[in-house]
């Protein structure tokens, strides 16, 4: 009987530990950016850094990680967000470009 209980206890602990792990596609809370000329947008970066969900000008799009010489760059078609530290620029969204933006 003991042989059965030990594996079941290990399985129960393993499953309980997995319940607190965030799904692979989760995103952090959206970051709000305020830009020159009073423009604003939000960006929710994926926990694993491979994508970002951007909302600007009444449009929401998911952008994928792209090559960058410096900072973080995400792009999809003509849409692009480029950030470094608290600063960012966004283009390809209605009302844009969003220039000289800073996270709030």
PDB file of N, CA and C in Angstrom:
ATOM      1  N   UNK A   1       0.811  -1.188   0.000  1.00  0.00           N
ATOM      2  CA  UNK A   1       0.000   0.000   0.000  1.00  0.00           C
ATOM      3  C   UNK A   1       0.859   1.257   0.000  1.00  0.00           C
ATOM      4  N   UNK A   2       1.974   1.219   0.670  1.00  0.00           N
ATOM      5  CA  UNK A   2       2.843   2.387   0.746  1.00  0.00           C
ATOM      6  C   UNK A   2       3.385   2.767  -0.613  1.00  0.00           C
ATOM      7  N   UNK A   3       3.647   1.845  -1.461  1.00  0.00           N
ATOM      8  CA  UNK A   3       4.186   2.127  -2.784  1.00  0.00           C
ATOM      9  C   UNK A   3       3.217   2.988  -3.596  1.00  0.00           C
ATOM     10  N   UNK A   4       1.951   2.806  -3.425  1.00  0.00           N
ATOM     11  CA  UNK A   4       0.946   3.566  -4.152  1.00  0.00           C
ATOM     12  C   UNK A   4       0.825   4.977  -3.562  1.00  0.00           C
ATOM     13  N   UNK A   5       0.883   5.118  -2.264  1.00  0.00           N
ATOM     14  CA  UNK A   5       0.696   6.413  -1.613  1.00  0.00           C
ATOM     15  C   UNK A   5       1.816   7.395  -1.918  1.00  0.00           C
ATOM     16  N   UNK A   6       3.051   6.949  -1.950  1.00  0.00           N
ATOM     17  CA  UNK A   6       4.179   7.841  -2.212  1.00  0.00           C
ATOM     18  C   UNK A   6       4.087   8.460  -3.606  1.00  0.00           C
ATOM     19  N   UNK A   7       3.892   7.683  -4.672  1.00  0.00           N
ATOM     20  CA  UNK A   7       3.761   8.296  -5.990  1.00  0.00           C
ATOM     21  C   UNK A   7       2.557   9.241  -6.080  1.00  0.00           C
ATOM     22  N   UNK A   8       1.449   8.889  -5.440  1.00  0.00           N
ATOM     23  CA  UNK A   8       0.279   9.774  -5.457  1.00  0.00           C
ATOM     24  C   UNK A   8       0.567  11.080  -4.733  1.00  0.00           C
ATOM     25  N   UNK A   9       1.293  11.037  -3.643  1.00  0.00           N
ATOM     26  CA  UNK A   9       1.650  12.255  -2.916  1.00  0.00           C
ATOM     27  C   UNK A   9       2.554  13.142  -3.758  1.00  0.00           C
ATOM     28  N   UNK A  10       3.503  12.548  -4.439  1.00  0.00           N
ATOM     29  CA  UNK A  10       4.397  13.299  -5.320  1.00  0.00           C
ATOM     30  C   UNK A  10       3.602  13.937  -6.456  1.00  0.00           C
ATOM     31  N   UNK A  11       2.688  13.194  -7.040  1.00  0.00           N
ATOM     32  CA  UNK A  11       1.849  13.711  -8.120  1.00  0.00           C
ATOM     33  C   UNK A  11       0.987  14.880  -7.621  1.00  0.00           C
ATOM     34  N   UNK A  12       0.404  14.775  -6.452  1.00  0.00           N
ATOM     35  CA  UNK A  12      -0.442  15.839  -5.897  1.00  0.00           C
ATOM     36  C   UNK A  12       0.356  17.115  -5.678  1.00  0.00           C
ATOM     37  N   UNK A  13       1.559  16.999  -5.151  1.00  0.00           N
ATOM     38  CA  UNK A  13       2.410  18.168  -4.934  1.00  0.00           C
ATOM     39  C   UNK A  13       2.807  18.794  -6.267  1.00  0.00           C
ATOM     40  N   UNK A  14       3.138  17.969  -7.248  1.00  0.00           N
ATOM     41  CA  UNK A  14       3.532  18.454  -8.576  1.00  0.00           C
ATOM     42  C   UNK A  14       2.386  19.201  -9.239  1.00  0.00           C
ATOM     43  N   UNK A  15       1.188  18.644  -9.219  1.00  0.00           N
ATOM     44  CA  UNK A  15       0.032  19.285  -9.835  1.00  0.00           C
ATOM     45  C   UNK A  15      -0.297  20.578  -9.113  1.00  0.00           C
ATOM     46  N   UNK A  16      -0.245  20.595  -7.807  1.00  0.00           N
ATOM     47  CA  UNK A  16      -0.531  21.813  -7.052  1.00  0.00           C
ATOM     48  C   UNK A  16       0.464  22.909  -7.389  1.00  0.00           C
ATOM     49  N   UNK A  17       1.722  22.551  -7.559  1.00  0.00           N
ATOM     50  CA  UNK A  17       2.745  23.536  -7.929  1.00  0.00           C
ATOM     51  C   UNK A  17       2.522  24.100  -9.308  1.00  0.00           C
ATOM     52  N   UNK A  18       2.023  23.292 -10.225  1.00  0.00           N
ATOM     53  CA  UNK A  18       1.778  23.746 -11.593  1.00  0.00           C
ATOM     54  C   UNK A  18       0.596  24.690 -11.681  1.00  0.00           C
ATOM     55  N   UNK A  19      -0.306  24.639 -10.747  1.00  0.00           N
ATOM     56  CA  UNK A  19      -1.501  25.471 -10.807  1.00  0.00           C
ATOM     57  C   UNK A  19      -1.180  26.953 -10.694  1.00  0.00           C
ATOM     58  N   UNK A  20      -0.038  27.291 -10.121  1.00  0.00           N
ATOM     59  CA  UNK A  20       0.301  28.700  -9.946  1.00  0.00           C
ATOM     60  C   UNK A  20       1.145  29.258 -11.093  1.00  0.00           C
ATOM     61  N   UNK A  21       1.514  28.436 -12.053  1.00  0.00           N
ATOM     62  CA  UNK A  21       2.351  28.875 -13.169  1.00  0.00           C
ATOM     63  C   UNK A  21       1.472  29.575 -14.201  1.00  0.00           C
ATOM     64  N   UNK A  22       1.893  30.763 -14.657  1.00  0.00           N
ATOM     65  CA  UNK A  22       1.136  31.509 -15.660  1.00  0.00           C
ATOM     66  C   UNK A  22       1.231  30.815 -17.010  1.00  0.00           C
ATOM     67  N   UNK A  23       0.156  30.856 -17.799  1.00  0.00           N
ATOM     68  CA  UNK A  23       0.224  30.268 -19.136  1.00  0.00           C
ATOM     69  C   UNK A  23       1.293  30.945 -19.990  1.00  0.00           C
ATOM     70  N   UNK A  24       1.790  30.237 -20.982  1.00  0.00           N
ATOM     71  CA  UNK A  24       2.853  30.758 -21.839  1.00  0.00           C
ATOM     72  C   UNK A  24       2.444  32.030 -22.578  1.00  0.00           C
ATOM     73  N   UNK A  25       1.150  32.237 -22.817  1.00  0.00           N
ATOM     74  CA  UNK A  25       0.733  33.396 -23.585  1.00  0.00           C
ATOM     75  C   UNK A  25       0.265  34.558 -22.712  1.00  0.00           C
ATOM     76  N   UNK A  26       0.497  34.500 -21.418  1.00  0.00           N
ATOM     77  CA  UNK A  26       0.087  35.587 -20.536  1.00  0.00           C
ATOM     78  C   UNK A  26       0.881  36.851 -20.819  1.00  0.00           C
ATOM     79  N   UNK A  27       0.296  37.983 -20.481  1.00  0.00           N
ATOM     80  CA  UNK A  27       0.989  39.259 -20.610  1.00  0.00           C
ATOM     81  C   UNK A  27       0.989  39.972 -19.280  1.00  0.00           C
ATOM     82  N   UNK A  28       1.974  40.826 -19.116  1.00  0.00           N
ATOM     83  CA  UNK A  28       1.999  41.681 -17.940  1.00  0.00           C
ATOM     84  C   UNK A  28       0.880  42.697 -18.056  1.00  0.00           C
ATOM     85  N   UNK A  29       0.608  43.422 -16.974  1.00  0.00           N
ATOM     86  CA  UNK A  29      -0.388  44.493 -17.007  1.00  0.00           C
ATOM     87  C   UNK A  29       0.031  45.520 -18.055  1.00  0.00           C
ATOM     88  N   UNK A  30      -0.933  46.111 -18.751  1.00  0.00           N
ATOM     89  CA  UNK A  30      -0.586  47.092 -19.788  1.00  0.00           C
ATOM     90  C   UNK A  30       0.189  48.287 -19.224  1.00  0.00           C
ATOM     91  N   UNK A  31       1.142  48.742 -19.989  1.00  0.00           N
ATOM     92  CA  UNK A  31       1.891  49.948 -19.650  1.00  0.00           C
ATOM     93  C   UNK A  31       1.256  51.084 -20.436  1.00  0.00           C
ATOM     94  N   UNK A  32       0.985  52.176 -19.777  1.00  0.00           N
ATOM     95  CA  UNK A  32       0.412  53.352 -20.441  1.00  0.00           C
ATOM     96  C   UNK A  32       1.532  54.293 -20.842  1.00  0.00           C
ATOM     97  N   UNK A  33       1.467  54.754 -22.080  1.00  0.00           N
ATOM     98  CA  UNK A  33       2.451  55.704 -22.593  1.00  0.00           C
ATOM     99  C   UNK A  33       1.754  57.025 -22.905  1.00  0.00           C
ATOM    100  N   UNK A  34       2.385  58.119 -22.529  1.00  0.00           N
ATOM    101  CA  UNK A  34       1.926  59.463 -22.879  1.00  0.00           C
ATOM    102  C   UNK A  34       2.952  60.030 -23.857  1.00  0.00           C
ATOM    103  N   UNK A  35       2.445  60.605 -24.966  1.00  0.00           N
ATOM    104  CA  UNK A  35       3.313  61.049 -26.046  1.00  0.00           C
ATOM    105  C   UNK A  35       3.166  62.549 -26.306  1.00  0.00           C
ATOM    106  N   UNK A  36       4.074  63.028 -27.149  1.00  0.00           N
ATOM    107  CA  UNK A  36       4.030  64.406 -27.612  1.00  0.00           C
ATOM    108  C   UNK A  36       2.651  64.661 -28.223  1.00  0.00           C
ATOM    109  N   UNK A  37       2.168  65.891 -28.136  1.00  0.00           N
ATOM    110  CA  UNK A  37       0.879  66.308 -28.693  1.00  0.00           C
ATOM    111  C   UNK A  37      -0.305  65.639 -27.996  1.00  0.00           C
ATOM    112  N   UNK A  38      -0.123  65.161 -26.768  1.00  0.00           N
ATOM    113  CA  UNK A  38      -1.222  64.598 -25.995  1.00  0.00           C
ATOM    114  C   UNK A  38      -1.688  63.218 -26.411  1.00  0.00           C
ATOM    115  N   UNK A  39      -0.976  62.558 -27.285  1.00  0.00           N
ATOM    116  CA  UNK A  39      -1.368  61.221 -27.733  1.00  0.00           C
ATOM    117  C   UNK A  39      -1.029  60.192 -26.659  1.00  0.00           C
ATOM    118  N   UNK A  40      -1.801  59.096 -26.637  1.00  0.00           N
ATOM    119  CA  UNK A  40      -1.596  58.030 -25.649  1.00  0.00           C
ATOM    120  C   UNK A  40      -1.811  56.667 -26.288  1.00  0.00           C
ATOM    121  N   UNK A  41      -1.148  55.658 -25.726  1.00  0.00           N
ATOM    122  CA  UNK A  41      -1.397  54.272 -26.121  1.00  0.00           C
ATOM    123  C   UNK A  41      -0.997  53.358 -24.977  1.00  0.00           C
ATOM    124  N   UNK A  42      -1.420  52.093 -25.055  1.00  0.00           N
ATOM    125  CA  UNK A  42      -1.028  51.100 -24.057  1.00  0.00           C
ATOM    126  C   UNK A  42      -0.326  49.939 -24.749  1.00  0.00           C
ATOM    127  N   UNK A  43       0.551  49.279 -23.999  1.00  0.00           N
ATOM    128  CA  UNK A  43       1.275  48.110 -24.512  1.00  0.00           C
ATOM    129  C   UNK A  43       1.386  47.083 -23.389  1.00  0.00           C
ATOM    130  N   UNK A  44       0.914  45.871 -23.658  1.00  0.00           N
ATOM    131  CA  UNK A  44       1.013  44.767 -22.697  1.00  0.00           C
ATOM    132  C   UNK A  44       2.018  43.768 -23.249  1.00  0.00           C
ATOM    133  N   UNK A  45       3.188  43.745 -22.638  1.00  0.00           N
ATOM    134  CA  UNK A  45       4.277  42.886 -23.111  1.00  0.00           C
ATOM    135  C   UNK A  45       4.093  41.469 -22.593  1.00  0.00           C
ATOM    136  N   UNK A  46       4.335  40.478 -23.449  1.00  0.00           N
ATOM    137  CA  UNK A  46       4.232  39.077 -23.052  1.00  0.00           C
ATOM    138  C   UNK A  46       5.273  38.772 -21.992  1.00  0.00           C
ATOM    139  N   UNK A  47       4.910  37.897 -21.090  1.00  0.00           N
ATOM    140  CA  UNK A  47       5.822  37.549 -20.000  1.00  0.00           C
ATOM    141  C   UNK A  47       7.135  36.974 -20.504  1.00  0.00           C
ATOM    142  N   UNK A  48       7.115  36.319 -21.638  1.00  0.00           N
ATOM    143  CA  UNK A  48       8.332  35.713 -22.175  1.00  0.00           C
ATOM    144  C   UNK A  48       8.992  36.572 -23.238  1.00  0.00           C
ATOM    145  N   UNK A  49       8.492  37.803 -23.459  1.00  0.00           N
ATOM    146  CA  UNK A  49       9.151  38.762 -24.331  1.00  0.00           C
ATOM    147  C   UNK A  49       9.043  38.536 -25.823  1.00  0.00           C
ATOM    148  N   UNK A  50       8.168  37.659 -26.285  1.00  0.00           N
ATOM    149  CA  UNK A  50       8.104  37.374 -27.717  1.00  0.00           C
ATOM    150  C   UNK A  50       7.024  38.163 -28.450  1.00  0.00           C
ATOM    151  N   UNK A  51       6.151  38.843 -27.708  1.00  0.00           N
ATOM    152  CA  UNK A  51       5.104  39.625 -28.351  1.00  0.00           C
ATOM    153  C   UNK A  51       4.615  40.732 -27.419  1.00  0.00           C
ATOM    154  N   UNK A  52       3.878  41.675 -28.008  1.00  0.00           N
ATOM    155  CA  UNK A  52       3.268  42.756 -27.246  1.00  0.00           C
ATOM    156  C   UNK A  52       1.909  43.037 -27.867  1.00  0.00           C
ATOM    157  N   UNK A  53       0.920  43.337 -27.029  1.00  0.00           N
ATOM    158  CA  UNK A  53      -0.407  43.716 -27.499  1.00  0.00           C
ATOM    159  C   UNK A  53      -0.521  45.220 -27.309  1.00  0.00           C
ATOM    160  N   UNK A  54      -0.668  45.948 -28.427  1.00  0.00           N
ATOM    161  CA  UNK A  54      -0.696  47.414 -28.406  1.00  0.00           C
ATOM    162  C   UNK A  54      -2.096  47.898 -28.759  1.00  0.00           C
ATOM    163  N   UNK A  55      -2.592  48.879 -27.985  1.00  0.00           N
ATOM    164  CA  UNK A  55      -3.876  49.530 -28.264  1.00  0.00           C
ATOM    165  C   UNK A  55      -3.618  51.016 -28.446  1.00  0.00           C
ATOM    166  N   UNK A  56      -3.999  51.529 -29.631  1.00  0.00           N
ATOM    167  CA  UNK A  56      -3.815  52.950 -29.941  1.00  0.00           C
ATOM    168  C   UNK A  56      -4.806  53.345 -31.028  1.00  0.00           C
ATOM    169  N   UNK A  57      -5.352  54.541 -30.927  1.00  0.00           N
ATOM    170  CA  UNK A  57      -6.243  55.046 -31.961  1.00  0.00           C
ATOM    171  C   UNK A  57      -7.455  54.172 -32.209  1.00  0.00           C
ATOM    172  N   UNK A  58      -7.953  53.483 -31.177  1.00  0.00           N
ATOM    173  CA  UNK A  58      -9.115  52.617 -31.322  1.00  0.00           C
ATOM    174  C   UNK A  58      -8.827  51.266 -31.945  1.00  0.00           C
ATOM    175  N   UNK A  59      -7.560  50.929 -32.114  1.00  0.00           N
ATOM    176  CA  UNK A  59      -7.153  49.660 -32.726  1.00  0.00           C
ATOM    177  C   UNK A  59      -6.246  48.887 -31.767  1.00  0.00           C
ATOM    178  N   UNK A  60      -6.415  47.577 -31.721  1.00  0.00           N
ATOM    179  CA  UNK A  60      -5.548  46.718 -30.918  1.00  0.00           C
ATOM    180  C   UNK A  60      -4.915  45.687 -31.841  1.00  0.00           C
ATOM    181  N   UNK A  61      -3.596  45.560 -31.736  1.00  0.00           N
ATOM    182  CA  UNK A  61      -2.851  44.601 -32.571  1.00  0.00           C
ATOM    183  C   UNK A  61      -1.786  43.910 -31.738  1.00  0.00           C
ATOM    184  N   UNK A  62      -1.472  42.693 -32.139  1.00  0.00           N
ATOM    185  CA  UNK A  62      -0.381  41.946 -31.514  1.00  0.00           C
ATOM    186  C   UNK A  62       0.827  42.041 -32.430  1.00  0.00           C
ATOM    187  N   UNK A  63       1.945  42.496 -31.870  1.00  0.00           N
ATOM    188  CA  UNK A  63       3.186  42.648 -32.623  1.00  0.00           C
ATOM    189  C   UNK A  63       4.197  41.627 -32.103  1.00  0.00           C
ATOM    190  N   UNK A  64       4.987  41.084 -33.001  1.00  0.00           N
ATOM    191  CA  UNK A  64       5.993  40.084 -32.626  1.00  0.00           C
ATOM    192  C   UNK A  64       7.361  40.726 -32.463  1.00  0.00           C
ATOM    193  N   UNK A  65       8.174  40.119 -31.603  1.00  0.00           N
ATOM    194  CA  UNK A  65       9.540  40.578 -31.376  1.00  0.00           C
ATOM    195  C   UNK A  65      10.294  40.625 -32.699  1.00  0.00           C
ATOM    196  N   UNK A  66      11.007  41.726 -32.924  1.00  0.00           N
ATOM    197  CA  UNK A  66      11.769  41.914 -34.162  1.00  0.00           C
ATOM    198  C   UNK A  66      13.202  42.294 -33.818  1.00  0.00           C
ATOM    199  N   UNK A  67      14.079  42.200 -34.785  1.00  0.00           N
ATOM    200  CA  UNK A  67      15.482  42.570 -34.588  1.00  0.00           C
ATOM    201  C   UNK A  67      15.617  44.041 -34.239  1.00  0.00           C
ATOM    202  N   UNK A  68      16.568  44.319 -33.364  1.00  0.00           N
ATOM    203  CA  UNK A  68      16.812  45.689 -32.928  1.00  0.00           C
ATOM    204  C   UNK A  68      18.283  45.849 -32.590  1.00  0.00           C
ATOM    205  N   UNK A  69      18.852  46.972 -32.987  1.00  0.00           N
ATOM    206  CA  UNK A  69      20.235  47.256 -32.631  1.00  0.00           C
ATOM    207  C   UNK A  69      20.350  47.695 -31.182  1.00  0.00           C
ATOM    208  N   UNK A  70      19.282  48.314 -30.685  1.00  0.00           N
ATOM    209  CA  UNK A  70      19.261  48.811 -29.317  1.00  0.00           C
ATOM    210  C   UNK A  70      17.811  48.912 -28.857  1.00  0.00           C
ATOM    211  N   UNK A  71      17.536  48.531 -27.644  1.00  0.00           N
ATOM    212  CA  UNK A  71      16.173  48.579 -27.129  1.00  0.00           C
ATOM    213  C   UNK A  71      15.369  47.373 -27.588  1.00  0.00           C
ATOM    214  N   UNK A  72      14.058  47.453 -27.370  1.00  0.00           N
ATOM    215  CA  UNK A  72      13.153  46.368 -27.756  1.00  0.00           C
ATOM    216  C   UNK A  72      12.287  46.839 -28.912  1.00  0.00           C
ATOM    217  N   UNK A  73      12.202  46.039 -29.952  1.00  0.00           N
ATOM    218  CA  UNK A  73      11.416  46.392 -31.138  1.00  0.00           C
ATOM    219  C   UNK A  73      10.461  45.252 -31.451  1.00  0.00           C
ATOM    220  N   UNK A  74       9.197  45.593 -31.666  1.00  0.00           N
ATOM    221  CA  UNK A  74       8.165  44.631 -32.037  1.00  0.00           C
ATOM    222  C   UNK A  74       7.487  45.159 -33.287  1.00  0.00           C
ATOM    223  N   UNK A  75       7.134  44.275 -34.220  1.00  0.00           N
ATOM    224  CA  UNK A  75       6.550  44.733 -35.483  1.00  0.00           C
ATOM    225  C   UNK A  75       5.589  43.695 -36.047  1.00  0.00           C
ATOM    226  N   UNK A  76       4.644  44.197 -36.863  1.00  0.00           N
ATOM    227  CA  UNK A  76       3.717  43.360 -37.633  1.00  0.00           C
ATOM    228  C   UNK A  76       3.202  44.229 -38.762  1.00  0.00           C
ATOM    229  N   UNK A  77       3.601  43.901 -39.999  1.00  0.00           N
ATOM    230  CA  UNK A  77       3.208  44.728 -41.138  1.00  0.00           C
ATOM    231  C   UNK A  77       3.795  46.121 -40.995  1.00  0.00           C
ATOM    232  N   UNK A  78       2.951  47.148 -41.111  1.00  0.00           N
ATOM    233  CA  UNK A  78       3.437  48.519 -40.984  1.00  0.00           C
ATOM    234  C   UNK A  78       3.443  49.019 -39.541  1.00  0.00           C
ATOM    235  N   UNK A  79       2.945  48.228 -38.609  1.00  0.00           N
ATOM    236  CA  UNK A  79       2.906  48.626 -37.195  1.00  0.00           C
ATOM    237  C   UNK A  79       4.220  48.268 -36.512  1.00  0.00           C
ATOM    238  N   UNK A  80       4.691  49.181 -35.667  1.00  0.00           N
ATOM    239  CA  UNK A  80       5.960  48.961 -34.971  1.00  0.00           C
ATOM    240  C   UNK A  80       5.997  49.771 -33.690  1.00  0.00           C
ATOM    241  N   UNK A  81       6.455  49.120 -32.616  1.00  0.00           N
ATOM    242  CA  UNK A  81       6.756  49.830 -31.381  1.00  0.00           C
ATOM    243  C   UNK A  81       8.228  49.589 -31.087  1.00  0.00           C
ATOM    244  N   UNK A  82       8.906  50.656 -30.719  1.00  0.00           N
ATOM    245  CA  UNK A  82      10.323  50.586 -30.387  1.00  0.00           C
ATOM    246  C   UNK A  82      10.478  51.257 -29.041  1.00  0.00           C
ATOM    247  N   UNK A  83      10.981  50.524 -28.066  1.00  0.00           N
ATOM    248  CA  UNK A  83      11.131  51.090 -26.728  1.00  0.00           C
ATOM    249  C   UNK A  83      12.533  50.858 -26.192  1.00  0.00           C
ATOM    250  N   UNK A  84      12.926  51.768 -25.337  1.00  0.00           N
ATOM    251  CA  UNK A  84      14.200  51.654 -24.639  1.00  0.00           C
ATOM    252  C   UNK A  84      14.006  52.321 -23.291  1.00  0.00           C
ATOM    253  N   UNK A  85      14.067  51.513 -22.248  1.00  0.00           N
ATOM    254  CA  UNK A  85      13.778  52.039 -20.917  1.00  0.00           C
ATOM    255  C   UNK A  85      12.329  52.499 -20.855  1.00  0.00           C
ATOM    256  N   UNK A  86      12.098  53.721 -20.388  1.00  0.00           N
ATOM    257  CA  UNK A  86      10.743  54.263 -20.272  1.00  0.00           C
ATOM    258  C   UNK A  86      10.277  54.945 -21.557  1.00  0.00           C
ATOM    259  N   UNK A  87      11.150  55.108 -22.535  1.00  0.00           N
ATOM    260  CA  UNK A  87      10.820  55.820 -23.774  1.00  0.00           C
ATOM    261  C   UNK A  87      10.364  54.867 -24.872  1.00  0.00           C
ATOM    262  N   UNK A  88       9.448  55.350 -25.742  1.00  0.00           N
ATOM    263  CA  UNK A  88       8.959  54.523 -26.842  1.00  0.00           C
ATOM    264  C   UNK A  88       8.462  55.381 -27.994  1.00  0.00           C
ATOM    265  N   UNK A  89       8.422  54.785 -29.175  1.00  0.00           N
ATOM    266  CA  UNK A  89       7.762  55.371 -30.343  1.00  0.00           C
ATOM    267  C   UNK A  89       6.866  54.284 -30.925  1.00  0.00           C
ATOM    268  N   UNK A  90       5.779  54.708 -31.549  1.00  0.00           N
ATOM    269  CA  UNK A  90       4.829  53.778 -32.128  1.00  0.00           C
ATOM    270  C   UNK A  90       4.386  54.316 -33.472  1.00  0.00           C
ATOM    271  N   UNK A  91       4.333  53.451 -34.471  1.00  0.00           N
ATOM    272  CA  UNK A  91       3.841  53.868 -35.777  1.00  0.00           C
ATOM    273  C   UNK A  91       2.973  52.759 -36.359  1.00  0.00           C
ATOM    274  N   UNK A  92       2.174  53.133 -37.374  1.00  0.00           N
ATOM    275  CA  UNK A  92       1.313  52.166 -38.021  1.00  0.00           C
ATOM    276  C   UNK A  92      -0.044  52.007 -37.378  1.00  0.00           C
ATOM    277  N   UNK A  93      -0.423  52.892 -36.471  1.00  0.00           N
ATOM    278  CA  UNK A  93      -1.724  52.881 -35.817  1.00  0.00           C
ATOM    279  C   UNK A  93      -2.464  54.173 -36.145  1.00  0.00           C
ATOM    280  N   UNK A  94      -3.807  54.147 -36.168  1.00  0.00           N
ATOM    281  CA  UNK A  94      -4.567  55.374 -36.416  1.00  0.00           C
ATOM    282  C   UNK A  94      -4.176  56.485 -35.442  1.00  0.00           C
ATOM    283  N   UNK A  95      -4.088  57.700 -35.945  1.00  0.00           N
ATOM    284  CA  UNK A  95      -3.721  58.835 -35.091  1.00  0.00           C
ATOM    285  C   UNK A  95      -2.235  59.007 -34.918  1.00  0.00           C
ATOM    286  N   UNK A  96      -1.438  58.107 -35.489  1.00  0.00           N
ATOM    287  CA  UNK A  96       0.017  58.140 -35.306  1.00  0.00           C
ATOM    288  C   UNK A  96       0.694  59.004 -36.346  1.00  0.00           C
ATOM    289  N   UNK A  97       1.983  59.103 -36.307  1.00  0.00           N
ATOM    290  CA  UNK A  97       2.839  58.347 -35.392  1.00  0.00           C
ATOM    291  C   UNK A  97       2.772  58.899 -33.966  1.00  0.00           C
ATOM    292  N   UNK A  98       3.107  58.041 -33.027  1.00  0.00           N
ATOM    293  CA  UNK A  98       3.155  58.398 -31.624  1.00  0.00           C
ATOM    294  C   UNK A  98       4.635  58.576 -31.287  1.00  0.00           C
ATOM    295  N   UNK A  99       5.056  59.825 -31.152  1.00  0.00           N
ATOM    296  CA  UNK A  99       6.484  60.115 -30.976  1.00  0.00           C
ATOM    297  C   UNK A  99       6.758  60.682 -29.576  1.00  0.00           C
ATOM    298  N   UNK A 100       8.003  60.553 -29.168  1.00  0.00           N
ATOM    299  CA  UNK A 100       8.445  61.071 -27.861  1.00  0.00           C
ATOM    300  C   UNK A 100       7.517  60.605 -26.736  1.00  0.00           C
ATOM    301  N   UNK A 101       7.302  59.306 -26.647  1.00  0.00           N
ATOM    302  CA  UNK A 101       6.401  58.742 -25.643  1.00  0.00           C
ATOM    303  C   UNK A 101       7.194  58.285 -24.420  1.00  0.00           C
ATOM    304  N   UNK A 102       6.536  58.332 -23.289  1.00  0.00           N
ATOM    305  CA  UNK A 102       7.171  57.922 -22.038  1.00  0.00           C
ATOM    306  C   UNK A 102       6.155  57.150 -21.220  1.00  0.00           C
ATOM    307  N   UNK A 103       6.596  56.026 -20.622  1.00  0.00           N
ATOM    308  CA  UNK A 103       5.698  55.219 -19.811  1.00  0.00           C
ATOM    309  C   UNK A 103       5.281  56.006 -18.560  1.00  0.00           C
ATOM    310  N   UNK A 104       4.061  55.762 -18.136  1.00  0.00           N
ATOM    311  CA  UNK A 104       3.495  56.477 -16.977  1.00  0.00           C
ATOM    312  C   UNK A 104       3.457  55.581 -15.764  1.00  0.00           C
TER     313      UNK A 104
END
